[in-house]
């Protein structure tokens, strides 16, 4: 049985979030290895999820949306994506202790 992988697209907001998270860990926490590991783990989790992006419960948000947001939990972060046709659109990476409803 072959698995179908959804096409992955990332938005500039996600790319900026990822850059900022890595920069903070590398520059403020002074841990280059941890920053690289986090980025690698996030990328792997997104690639893995692309085979079954609809198999998880949507993230509950207060705002009405055209597309449901789905989470990927990686350590202290949450990756948010939507599914549009055969595309998994990665939209945000948010530290889990932030006010997520106001950010999304």
PDB file of N, CA and C in Angstrom:
ATOM      1  N   UNK A   1       0.834  -1.174   0.000  1.00  0.00           N
ATOM      2  CA  UNK A   1       0.000   0.000   0.000  1.00  0.00           C
ATOM      3  C   UNK A   1       0.882   1.241   0.000  1.00  0.00           C
ATOM      4  N   UNK A   2       0.713   2.101  -0.998  1.00  0.00           N
ATOM      5  CA  UNK A   2       1.529   3.306  -1.066  1.00  0.00           C
ATOM      6  C   UNK A   2       0.829   4.447  -0.333  1.00  0.00           C
ATOM      7  N   UNK A   3       1.625   5.292   0.256  1.00  0.00           N
ATOM      8  CA  UNK A   3       1.100   6.449   0.960  1.00  0.00           C
ATOM      9  C   UNK A   3       1.219   7.665   0.055  1.00  0.00           C
ATOM     10  N   UNK A   4       0.198   8.483   0.056  1.00  0.00           N
ATOM     11  CA  UNK A   4       0.217   9.697  -0.740  1.00  0.00           C
ATOM     12  C   UNK A   4       0.649  10.847   0.150  1.00  0.00           C
ATOM     13  N   UNK A   5       1.619  11.588  -0.317  1.00  0.00           N
ATOM     14  CA  UNK A   5       2.095  12.726   0.444  1.00  0.00           C
ATOM     15  C   UNK A   5       1.473  14.002  -0.109  1.00  0.00           C
ATOM     16  N   UNK A   6       0.934  14.823   0.786  1.00  0.00           N
ATOM     17  CA  UNK A   6       0.408  16.120   0.393  1.00  0.00           C
ATOM     18  C   UNK A   6       1.579  17.038   0.049  1.00  0.00           C
ATOM     19  N   UNK A   7       1.333  17.972  -0.837  1.00  0.00           N
ATOM     20  CA  UNK A   7       2.340  18.980  -1.166  1.00  0.00           C
ATOM     21  C   UNK A   7       2.435  19.936   0.023  1.00  0.00           C
ATOM     22  N   UNK A   8       3.647  20.308   0.391  1.00  0.00           N
ATOM     23  CA  UNK A   8       3.863  21.208   1.522  1.00  0.00           C
ATOM     24  C   UNK A   8       4.204  22.600   0.995  1.00  0.00           C
ATOM     25  N   UNK A   9       3.475  23.583   1.487  1.00  0.00           N
ATOM     26  CA  UNK A   9       3.800  24.982   1.212  1.00  0.00           C
ATOM     27  C   UNK A   9       3.943  25.691   2.547  1.00  0.00           C
ATOM     28  N   UNK A  10       4.889  26.595   2.627  1.00  0.00           N
ATOM     29  CA  UNK A  10       5.063  27.365   3.855  1.00  0.00           C
ATOM     30  C   UNK A  10       4.810  28.835   3.562  1.00  0.00           C
ATOM     31  N   UNK A  11       4.172  29.494   4.503  1.00  0.00           N
ATOM     32  CA  UNK A  11       3.930  30.926   4.376  1.00  0.00           C
ATOM     33  C   UNK A  11       5.091  31.699   4.986  1.00  0.00           C
ATOM     34  N   UNK A  12       5.295  32.936   4.539  1.00  0.00           N
ATOM     35  CA  UNK A  12       6.365  33.762   5.122  1.00  0.00           C
ATOM     36  C   UNK A  12       6.230  33.938   6.633  1.00  0.00           C
ATOM     37  N   UNK A  13       4.991  33.940   7.159  1.00  0.00           N
ATOM     38  CA  UNK A  13       4.818  34.074   8.611  1.00  0.00           C
ATOM     39  C   UNK A  13       5.452  32.893   9.344  1.00  0.00           C
ATOM     40  N   UNK A  14       5.263  31.683   8.820  1.00  0.00           N
ATOM     41  CA  UNK A  14       5.877  30.498   9.426  1.00  0.00           C
ATOM     42  C   UNK A  14       7.398  30.582   9.327  1.00  0.00           C
ATOM     43  N   UNK A  15       7.898  30.944   8.156  1.00  0.00           N
ATOM     44  CA  UNK A  15       9.342  31.021   7.952  1.00  0.00           C
ATOM     45  C   UNK A  15       9.973  32.034   8.900  1.00  0.00           C
ATOM     46  N   UNK A  16       9.295  33.161   9.126  1.00  0.00           N
ATOM     47  CA  UNK A  16       9.786  34.158  10.066  1.00  0.00           C
ATOM     48  C   UNK A  16       9.750  33.611  11.492  1.00  0.00           C
ATOM     49  N   UNK A  17       8.646  32.961  11.859  1.00  0.00           N
ATOM     50  CA  UNK A  17       8.537  32.360  13.196  1.00  0.00           C
ATOM     51  C   UNK A  17       9.668  31.366  13.451  1.00  0.00           C
ATOM     52  N   UNK A  18       9.945  30.524  12.462  1.00  0.00           N
ATOM     53  CA  UNK A  18      10.999  29.517  12.595  1.00  0.00           C
ATOM     54  C   UNK A  18      12.365  30.184  12.750  1.00  0.00           C
ATOM     55  N   UNK A  19      12.609  31.199  11.936  1.00  0.00           N
ATOM     56  CA  UNK A  19      13.874  31.945  12.013  1.00  0.00           C
ATOM     57  C   UNK A  19      14.036  32.563  13.400  1.00  0.00           C
ATOM     58  N   UNK A  20      12.982  33.212  13.890  1.00  0.00           N
ATOM     59  CA  UNK A  20      13.051  33.878  15.198  1.00  0.00           C
ATOM     60  C   UNK A  20      13.273  32.882  16.331  1.00  0.00           C
ATOM     61  N   UNK A  21      12.627  31.736  16.269  1.00  0.00           N
ATOM     62  CA  UNK A  21      12.814  30.715  17.318  1.00  0.00           C
ATOM     63  C   UNK A  21      14.258  30.224  17.323  1.00  0.00           C
ATOM     64  N   UNK A  22      14.776  29.903  16.142  1.00  0.00           N
ATOM     65  CA  UNK A  22      16.160  29.452  16.046  1.00  0.00           C
ATOM     66  C   UNK A  22      17.146  30.513  16.491  1.00  0.00           C
ATOM     67  N   UNK A  23      16.900  31.747  16.085  1.00  0.00           N
ATOM     68  CA  UNK A  23      17.786  32.866  16.452  1.00  0.00           C
ATOM     69  C   UNK A  23      17.795  33.075  17.965  1.00  0.00           C
ATOM     70  N   UNK A  24      16.620  33.004  18.594  1.00  0.00           N
ATOM     71  CA  UNK A  24      16.538  33.179  20.038  1.00  0.00           C
ATOM     72  C   UNK A  24      17.342  32.099  20.762  1.00  0.00           C
ATOM     73  N   UNK A  25      17.158  30.862  20.370  1.00  0.00           N
ATOM     74  CA  UNK A  25      17.868  29.766  21.034  1.00  0.00           C
ATOM     75  C   UNK A  25      19.372  29.878  20.806  1.00  0.00           C
ATOM     76  N   UNK A  26      19.750  30.225  19.587  1.00  0.00           N
ATOM     77  CA  UNK A  26      21.179  30.332  19.253  1.00  0.00           C
ATOM     78  C   UNK A  26      21.835  31.549  19.915  1.00  0.00           C
ATOM     79  N   UNK A  27      21.202  32.718  19.797  1.00  0.00           N
ATOM     80  CA  UNK A  27      21.840  33.958  20.236  1.00  0.00           C
ATOM     81  C   UNK A  27      21.584  34.306  21.701  1.00  0.00           C
ATOM     82  N   UNK A  28      20.370  34.142  22.169  1.00  0.00           N
ATOM     83  CA  UNK A  28      20.046  34.523  23.543  1.00  0.00           C
ATOM     84  C   UNK A  28      20.393  33.404  24.520  1.00  0.00           C
ATOM     85  N   UNK A  29      19.988  32.195  24.171  1.00  0.00           N
ATOM     86  CA  UNK A  29      20.279  31.064  25.052  1.00  0.00           C
ATOM     87  C   UNK A  29      21.665  30.480  24.808  1.00  0.00           C
ATOM     88  N   UNK A  30      22.314  30.946  23.739  1.00  0.00           N
ATOM     89  CA  UNK A  30      23.690  30.538  23.399  1.00  0.00           C
ATOM     90  C   UNK A  30      23.810  29.021  23.222  1.00  0.00           C
ATOM     91  N   UNK A  31      22.880  28.467  22.448  1.00  0.00           N
ATOM     92  CA  UNK A  31      22.891  27.020  22.243  1.00  0.00           C
ATOM     93  C   UNK A  31      22.616  26.701  20.771  1.00  0.00           C
ATOM     94  N   UNK A  32      23.662  26.779  19.979  1.00  0.00           N
ATOM     95  CA  UNK A  32      23.583  26.531  18.537  1.00  0.00           C
ATOM     96  C   UNK A  32      23.060  25.119  18.240  1.00  0.00           C
ATOM     97  N   UNK A  33      23.551  24.139  18.971  1.00  0.00           N
ATOM     98  CA  UNK A  33      23.142  22.747  18.724  1.00  0.00           C
ATOM     99  C   UNK A  33      21.646  22.560  18.979  1.00  0.00           C
ATOM    100  N   UNK A  34      21.128  23.162  20.045  1.00  0.00           N
ATOM    101  CA  UNK A  34      19.705  23.039  20.354  1.00  0.00           C
ATOM    102  C   UNK A  34      18.853  23.719  19.288  1.00  0.00           C
ATOM    103  N   UNK A  35      19.312  24.847  18.785  1.00  0.00           N
ATOM    104  CA  UNK A  35      18.584  25.550  17.723  1.00  0.00           C
ATOM    105  C   UNK A  35      18.522  24.692  16.467  1.00  0.00           C
ATOM    106  N   UNK A  36      19.641  24.119  16.090  1.00  0.00           N
ATOM    107  CA  UNK A  36      19.687  23.265  14.890  1.00  0.00           C
ATOM    108  C   UNK A  36      18.814  22.022  15.072  1.00  0.00           C
ATOM    109  N   UNK A  37      18.838  21.437  16.254  1.00  0.00           N
ATOM    110  CA  UNK A  37      18.036  20.239  16.532  1.00  0.00           C
ATOM    111  C   UNK A  37      16.538  20.553  16.480  1.00  0.00           C
ATOM    112  N   UNK A  38      16.153  21.697  17.058  1.00  0.00           N
ATOM    113  CA  UNK A  38      14.745  22.083  17.029  1.00  0.00           C
ATOM    114  C   UNK A  38      14.273  22.273  15.590  1.00  0.00           C
ATOM    115  N   UNK A  39      15.031  22.981  14.788  1.00  0.00           N
ATOM    116  CA  UNK A  39      14.656  23.217  13.394  1.00  0.00           C
ATOM    117  C   UNK A  39      14.557  21.899  12.639  1.00  0.00           C
ATOM    118  N   UNK A  40      15.505  21.020  12.854  1.00  0.00           N
ATOM    119  CA  UNK A  40      15.483  19.712  12.210  1.00  0.00           C
ATOM    120  C   UNK A  40      14.257  18.903  12.629  1.00  0.00           C
ATOM    121  N   UNK A  41      13.950  18.912  13.915  1.00  0.00           N
ATOM    122  CA  UNK A  41      12.801  18.160  14.425  1.00  0.00           C
ATOM    123  C   UNK A  41      11.487  18.726  13.879  1.00  0.00           C
ATOM    124  N   UNK A  42      11.395  20.029  13.769  1.00  0.00           N
ATOM    125  CA  UNK A  42      10.192  20.664  13.225  1.00  0.00           C
ATOM    126  C   UNK A  42      10.022  20.276  11.765  1.00  0.00           C
ATOM    127  N   UNK A  43      11.083  20.364  10.995  1.00  0.00           N
ATOM    128  CA  UNK A  43      11.011  20.006   9.579  1.00  0.00           C
ATOM    129  C   UNK A  43      10.623  18.540   9.391  1.00  0.00           C
ATOM    130  N   UNK A  44      11.175  17.668  10.215  1.00  0.00           N
ATOM    131  CA  UNK A  44      10.845  16.240  10.121  1.00  0.00           C
ATOM    132  C   UNK A  44       9.376  16.007  10.479  1.00  0.00           C
ATOM    133  N   UNK A  45       8.893  16.674  11.511  1.00  0.00           N
ATOM    134  CA  UNK A  45       7.499  16.502  11.928  1.00  0.00           C
ATOM    135  C   UNK A  45       6.536  16.958  10.830  1.00  0.00           C
ATOM    136  N   UNK A  46       6.880  18.038  10.146  1.00  0.00           N
ATOM    137  CA  UNK A  46       6.036  18.522   9.052  1.00  0.00           C
ATOM    138  C   UNK A  46       6.046  17.522   7.907  1.00  0.00           C
ATOM    139  N   UNK A  47       7.199  17.025   7.548  1.00  0.00           N
ATOM    140  CA  UNK A  47       7.290  16.035   6.468  1.00  0.00           C
ATOM    141  C   UNK A  47       6.516  14.766   6.813  1.00  0.00           C
ATOM    142  N   UNK A  48       6.630  14.309   8.042  1.00  0.00           N
ATOM    143  CA  UNK A  48       5.900  13.117   8.471  1.00  0.00           C
ATOM    144  C   UNK A  48       4.389  13.341   8.414  1.00  0.00           C
ATOM    145  N   UNK A  49       3.937  14.514   8.843  1.00  0.00           N
ATOM    146  CA  UNK A  49       2.511  14.809   8.873  1.00  0.00           C
ATOM    147  C   UNK A  49       1.923  14.938   7.470  1.00  0.00           C
ATOM    148  N   UNK A  50       2.752  15.258   6.494  1.00  0.00           N
ATOM    149  CA  UNK A  50       2.271  15.452   5.124  1.00  0.00           C
ATOM    150  C   UNK A  50       1.654  14.185   4.531  1.00  0.00           C
ATOM    151  N   UNK A  51       1.886  13.036   5.149  1.00  0.00           N
ATOM    152  CA  UNK A  51       1.274  11.789   4.675  1.00  0.00           C
ATOM    153  C   UNK A  51      -0.146  11.594   5.226  1.00  0.00           C
ATOM    154  N   UNK A  52      -0.478  12.313   6.297  1.00  0.00           N
ATOM    155  CA  UNK A  52      -1.821  12.166   6.881  1.00  0.00           C
ATOM    156  C   UNK A  52      -2.216  13.433   7.644  1.00  0.00           C
ATOM    157  N   UNK A  53      -2.295  14.560   6.956  1.00  0.00           N
ATOM    158  CA  UNK A  53      -2.540  15.825   7.664  1.00  0.00           C
ATOM    159  C   UNK A  53      -3.928  15.961   8.276  1.00  0.00           C
ATOM    160  N   UNK A  54      -4.878  15.166   7.834  1.00  0.00           N
ATOM    161  CA  UNK A  54      -6.240  15.278   8.356  1.00  0.00           C
ATOM    162  C   UNK A  54      -6.552  14.251   9.440  1.00  0.00           C
ATOM    163  N   UNK A  55      -5.559  13.501   9.859  1.00  0.00           N
ATOM    164  CA  UNK A  55      -5.779  12.436  10.838  1.00  0.00           C
ATOM    165  C   UNK A  55      -5.715  12.921  12.287  1.00  0.00           C
ATOM    166  N   UNK A  56      -5.599  14.216  12.479  1.00  0.00           N
ATOM    167  CA  UNK A  56      -5.580  14.767  13.839  1.00  0.00           C
ATOM    168  C   UNK A  56      -6.767  15.700  14.010  1.00  0.00           C
ATOM    169  N   UNK A  57      -7.114  15.923  15.243  1.00  0.00           N
ATOM    170  CA  UNK A  57      -8.229  16.807  15.562  1.00  0.00           C
ATOM    171  C   UNK A  57      -7.831  18.263  15.261  1.00  0.00           C
ATOM    172  N   UNK A  58      -8.707  19.032  14.611  1.00  0.00           N
ATOM    173  CA  UNK A  58      -8.393  20.450  14.363  1.00  0.00           C
ATOM    174  C   UNK A  58      -8.196  21.208  15.675  1.00  0.00           C
ATOM    175  N   UNK A  59      -7.403  22.251  15.601  1.00  0.00           N
ATOM    176  CA  UNK A  59      -7.149  23.085  16.771  1.00  0.00           C
ATOM    177  C   UNK A  59      -8.354  24.001  16.978  1.00  0.00           C
ATOM    178  N   UNK A  60      -8.907  24.054  18.192  1.00  0.00           N
ATOM    179  CA  UNK A  60     -10.080  24.910  18.413  1.00  0.00           C
ATOM    180  C   UNK A  60      -9.672  26.386  18.486  1.00  0.00           C
ATOM    181  N   UNK A  61     -10.259  27.188  17.621  1.00  0.00           N
ATOM    182  CA  UNK A  61      -9.987  28.623  17.635  1.00  0.00           C
ATOM    183  C   UNK A  61     -11.303  29.369  17.800  1.00  0.00           C
ATOM    184  N   UNK A  62     -11.218  30.571  18.338  1.00  0.00           N
ATOM    185  CA  UNK A  62     -12.407  31.380  18.556  1.00  0.00           C
ATOM    186  C   UNK A  62     -12.914  31.998  17.255  1.00  0.00           C
ATOM    187  N   UNK A  63     -12.004  32.263  16.356  1.00  0.00           N
ATOM    188  CA  UNK A  63     -12.338  32.938  15.115  1.00  0.00           C
ATOM    189  C   UNK A  63     -12.874  31.948  14.077  1.00  0.00           C
ATOM    190  N   UNK A  64     -13.921  32.344  13.362  1.00  0.00           N
ATOM    191  CA  UNK A  64     -14.423  31.533  12.243  1.00  0.00           C
ATOM    192  C   UNK A  64     -13.407  31.603  11.113  1.00  0.00           C
ATOM    193  N   UNK A  65     -13.117  30.452  10.517  1.00  0.00           N
ATOM    194  CA  UNK A  65     -12.103  30.390   9.472  1.00  0.00           C
ATOM    195  C   UNK A  65     -12.611  29.613   8.281  1.00  0.00           C
ATOM    196  N   UNK A  66     -12.089  29.977   7.133  1.00  0.00           N
ATOM    197  CA  UNK A  66     -12.430  29.245   5.911  1.00  0.00           C
ATOM    198  C   UNK A  66     -11.850  27.834   5.967  1.00  0.00           C
ATOM    199  N   UNK A  67     -10.638  27.719   6.513  1.00  0.00           N
ATOM    200  CA  UNK A  67      -9.948  26.426   6.621  1.00  0.00           C
ATOM    201  C   UNK A  67      -9.611  26.159   8.084  1.00  0.00           C
ATOM    202  N   UNK A  68      -9.806  24.914   8.508  1.00  0.00           N
ATOM    203  CA  UNK A  68      -9.474  24.530   9.874  1.00  0.00           C
ATOM    204  C   UNK A  68      -7.966  24.537  10.083  1.00  0.00           C
ATOM    205  N   UNK A  69      -7.550  24.936  11.266  1.00  0.00           N
ATOM    206  CA  UNK A  69      -6.139  24.890  11.640  1.00  0.00           C
ATOM    207  C   UNK A  69      -5.874  23.556  12.334  1.00  0.00           C
ATOM    208  N   UNK A  70      -4.771  22.932  11.967  1.00  0.00           N
ATOM    209  CA  UNK A  70      -4.346  21.675  12.581  1.00  0.00           C
ATOM    210  C   UNK A  70      -2.995  21.903  13.260  1.00  0.00           C
ATOM    211  N   UNK A  71      -2.776  21.271  14.418  1.00  0.00           N
ATOM    212  CA  UNK A  71      -1.530  21.458  15.142  1.00  0.00           C
ATOM    213  C   UNK A  71      -0.546  20.302  14.955  1.00  0.00           C
ATOM    214  N   UNK A  72       0.713  20.653  15.071  1.00  0.00           N
ATOM    215  CA  UNK A  72       1.783  19.662  15.244  1.00  0.00           C
ATOM    216  C   UNK A  72       2.549  20.138  16.483  1.00  0.00           C
ATOM    217  N   UNK A  73       2.587  19.310  17.504  1.00  0.00           N
ATOM    218  CA  UNK A  73       3.256  19.676  18.750  1.00  0.00           C
ATOM    219  C   UNK A  73       4.700  19.178  18.723  1.00  0.00           C
ATOM    220  N   UNK A  74       5.620  20.121  18.893  1.00  0.00           N
ATOM    221  CA  UNK A  74       7.047  19.785  18.949  1.00  0.00           C
ATOM    222  C   UNK A  74       7.638  20.520  20.146  1.00  0.00           C
ATOM    223  N   UNK A  75       7.937  19.767  21.164  1.00  0.00           N
ATOM    224  CA  UNK A  75       8.468  20.311  22.417  1.00  0.00           C
ATOM    225  C   UNK A  75       7.596  21.467  22.910  1.00  0.00           C
ATOM    226  N   UNK A  76       8.158  22.675  22.998  1.00  0.00           N
ATOM    227  CA  UNK A  76       7.427  23.834  23.512  1.00  0.00           C
ATOM    228  C   UNK A  76       6.775  24.659  22.409  1.00  0.00           C
ATOM    229  N   UNK A  77       6.688  24.110  21.233  1.00  0.00           N
ATOM    230  CA  UNK A  77       6.146  24.842  20.092  1.00  0.00           C
ATOM    231  C   UNK A  77       4.996  24.089  19.451  1.00  0.00           C
ATOM    232  N   UNK A  78       4.185  24.855  18.727  1.00  0.00           N
ATOM    233  CA  UNK A  78       3.104  24.269  17.941  1.00  0.00           C
ATOM    234  C   UNK A  78       3.207  24.822  16.528  1.00  0.00           C
ATOM    235  N   UNK A  79       3.256  23.919  15.563  1.00  0.00           N
ATOM    236  CA  UNK A  79       3.187  24.296  14.156  1.00  0.00           C
ATOM    237  C   UNK A  79       1.713  24.249  13.782  1.00  0.00           C
ATOM    238  N   UNK A  80       1.239  25.285  13.102  1.00  0.00           N
ATOM    239  CA  UNK A  80      -0.143  25.319  12.641  1.00  0.00           C
ATOM    240  C   UNK A  80      -0.174  25.277  11.126  1.00  0.00           C
ATOM    241  N   UNK A  81      -1.056  24.435  10.606  1.00  0.00           N
ATOM    242  CA  UNK A  81      -1.214  24.319   9.159  1.00  0.00           C
ATOM    243  C   UNK A  81      -2.682  24.163   8.818  1.00  0.00           C
ATOM    244  N   UNK A  82      -3.001  24.415   7.551  1.00  0.00           N
ATOM    245  CA  UNK A  82      -4.330  24.158   7.011  1.00  0.00           C
ATOM    246  C   UNK A  82      -4.161  23.231   5.819  1.00  0.00           C
ATOM    247  N   UNK A  83      -5.245  22.574   5.457  1.00  0.00           N
ATOM    248  CA  UNK A  83      -5.223  21.698   4.286  1.00  0.00           C
ATOM    249  C   UNK A  83      -6.182  22.294   3.255  1.00  0.00           C
ATOM    250  N   UNK A  84      -5.624  22.542   2.069  1.00  0.00           N
ATOM    251  CA  UNK A  84      -6.407  23.086   0.961  1.00  0.00           C
ATOM    252  C   UNK A  84      -6.183  22.161  -0.226  1.00  0.00           C
ATOM    253  N   UNK A  85      -7.188  21.351  -0.523  1.00  0.00           N
ATOM    254  CA  UNK A  85      -7.032  20.368  -1.594  1.00  0.00           C
ATOM    255  C   UNK A  85      -5.965  19.364  -1.223  1.00  0.00           C
ATOM    256  N   UNK A  86      -4.928  19.251  -2.064  1.00  0.00           N
ATOM    257  CA  UNK A  86      -3.821  18.328  -1.783  1.00  0.00           C
ATOM    258  C   UNK A  86      -2.597  19.059  -1.241  1.00  0.00           C
ATOM    259  N   UNK A  87      -2.824  20.261  -0.704  1.00  0.00           N
ATOM    260  CA  UNK A  87      -1.724  21.082  -0.174  1.00  0.00           C
ATOM    261  C   UNK A  87      -1.860  21.220   1.337  1.00  0.00           C
ATOM    262  N   UNK A  88      -0.754  20.984   2.019  1.00  0.00           N
ATOM    263  CA  UNK A  88      -0.645  21.241   3.451  1.00  0.00           C
ATOM    264  C   UNK A  88       0.101  22.564   3.577  1.00  0.00           C
ATOM    265  N   UNK A  89      -0.628  23.614   3.938  1.00  0.00           N
ATOM    266  CA  UNK A  89      -0.059  24.951   3.994  1.00  0.00           C
ATOM    267  C   UNK A  89       0.340  25.264   5.436  1.00  0.00           C
ATOM    268  N   UNK A  90       1.630  25.360   5.681  1.00  0.00           N
ATOM    269  CA  UNK A  90       2.157  25.610   7.022  1.00  0.00           C
ATOM    270  C   UNK A  90       2.149  27.119   7.245  1.00  0.00           C
ATOM    271  N   UNK A  91       1.416  27.532   8.280  1.00  0.00           N
ATOM    272  CA  UNK A  91       1.176  28.960   8.464  1.00  0.00           C
ATOM    273  C   UNK A  91       1.918  29.605   9.624  1.00  0.00           C
ATOM    274  N   UNK A  92       2.031  28.911  10.744  1.00  0.00           N
ATOM    275  CA  UNK A  92       2.656  29.540  11.921  1.00  0.00           C
ATOM    276  C   UNK A  92       3.433  28.514  12.748  1.00  0.00           C
ATOM    277  N   UNK A  93       4.399  29.033  13.511  1.00  0.00           N
ATOM    278  CA  UNK A  93       5.103  28.290  14.555  1.00  0.00           C
ATOM    279  C   UNK A  93       5.022  29.180  15.783  1.00  0.00           C
ATOM    280  N   UNK A  94       4.356  28.702  16.821  1.00  0.00           N
ATOM    281  CA  UNK A  94       4.113  29.535  17.994  1.00  0.00           C
ATOM    282  C   UNK A  94       4.567  28.807  19.254  1.00  0.00           C
ATOM    283  N   UNK A  95       5.246  29.548  20.129  1.00  0.00           N
ATOM    284  CA  UNK A  95       5.626  29.024  21.434  1.00  0.00           C
ATOM    285  C   UNK A  95       4.341  28.742  22.204  1.00  0.00           C
ATOM    286  N   UNK A  96       4.223  27.563  22.787  1.00  0.00           N
ATOM    287  CA  UNK A  96       2.943  27.112  23.342  1.00  0.00           C
ATOM    288  C   UNK A  96       2.443  27.918  24.537  1.00  0.00           C
ATOM    289  N   UNK A  97       3.290  28.697  25.190  1.00  0.00           N
ATOM    290  CA  UNK A  97       2.848  29.479  26.347  1.00  0.00           C
ATOM    291  C   UNK A  97       2.390  30.892  25.956  1.00  0.00           C
ATOM    292  N   UNK A  98       2.400  31.193  24.669  1.00  0.00           N
ATOM    293  CA  UNK A  98       1.912  32.496  24.216  1.00  0.00           C
ATOM    294  C   UNK A  98       0.392  32.472  24.092  1.00  0.00           C
ATOM    295  N   UNK A  99      -0.198  33.629  23.894  1.00  0.00           N
ATOM    296  CA  UNK A  99      -1.651  33.743  23.722  1.00  0.00           C
ATOM    297  C   UNK A  99      -1.992  33.367  22.277  1.00  0.00           C
ATOM    298  N   UNK A 100      -2.159  32.079  22.047  1.00  0.00           N
ATOM    299  CA  UNK A 100      -2.301  31.556  20.694  1.00  0.00           C
ATOM    300  C   UNK A 100      -3.536  32.103  19.996  1.00  0.00           C
ATOM    301  N   UNK A 101      -4.652  32.211  20.700  1.00  0.00           N
ATOM    302  CA  UNK A 101      -5.880  32.715  20.058  1.00  0.00           C
ATOM    303  C   UNK A 101      -5.706  34.119  19.505  1.00  0.00           C
ATOM    304  N   UNK A 102      -4.955  34.953  20.188  1.00  0.00           N
ATOM    305  CA  UNK A 102      -4.736  36.309  19.683  1.00  0.00           C
ATOM    306  C   UNK A 102      -3.704  36.352  18.564  1.00  0.00           C
ATOM    307  N   UNK A 103      -2.857  35.353  18.454  1.00  0.00           N
ATOM    308  CA  UNK A 103      -1.834  35.323  17.411  1.00  0.00           C
ATOM    309  C   UNK A 103      -2.380  34.734  16.127  1.00  0.00           C
ATOM    310  N   UNK A 104      -3.189  33.685  16.235  1.00  0.00           N
ATOM    311  CA  UNK A 104      -3.704  33.036  15.031  1.00  0.00           C
ATOM    312  C   UNK A 104      -4.683  33.916  14.272  1.00  0.00           C
TER     313      UNK A 104
END
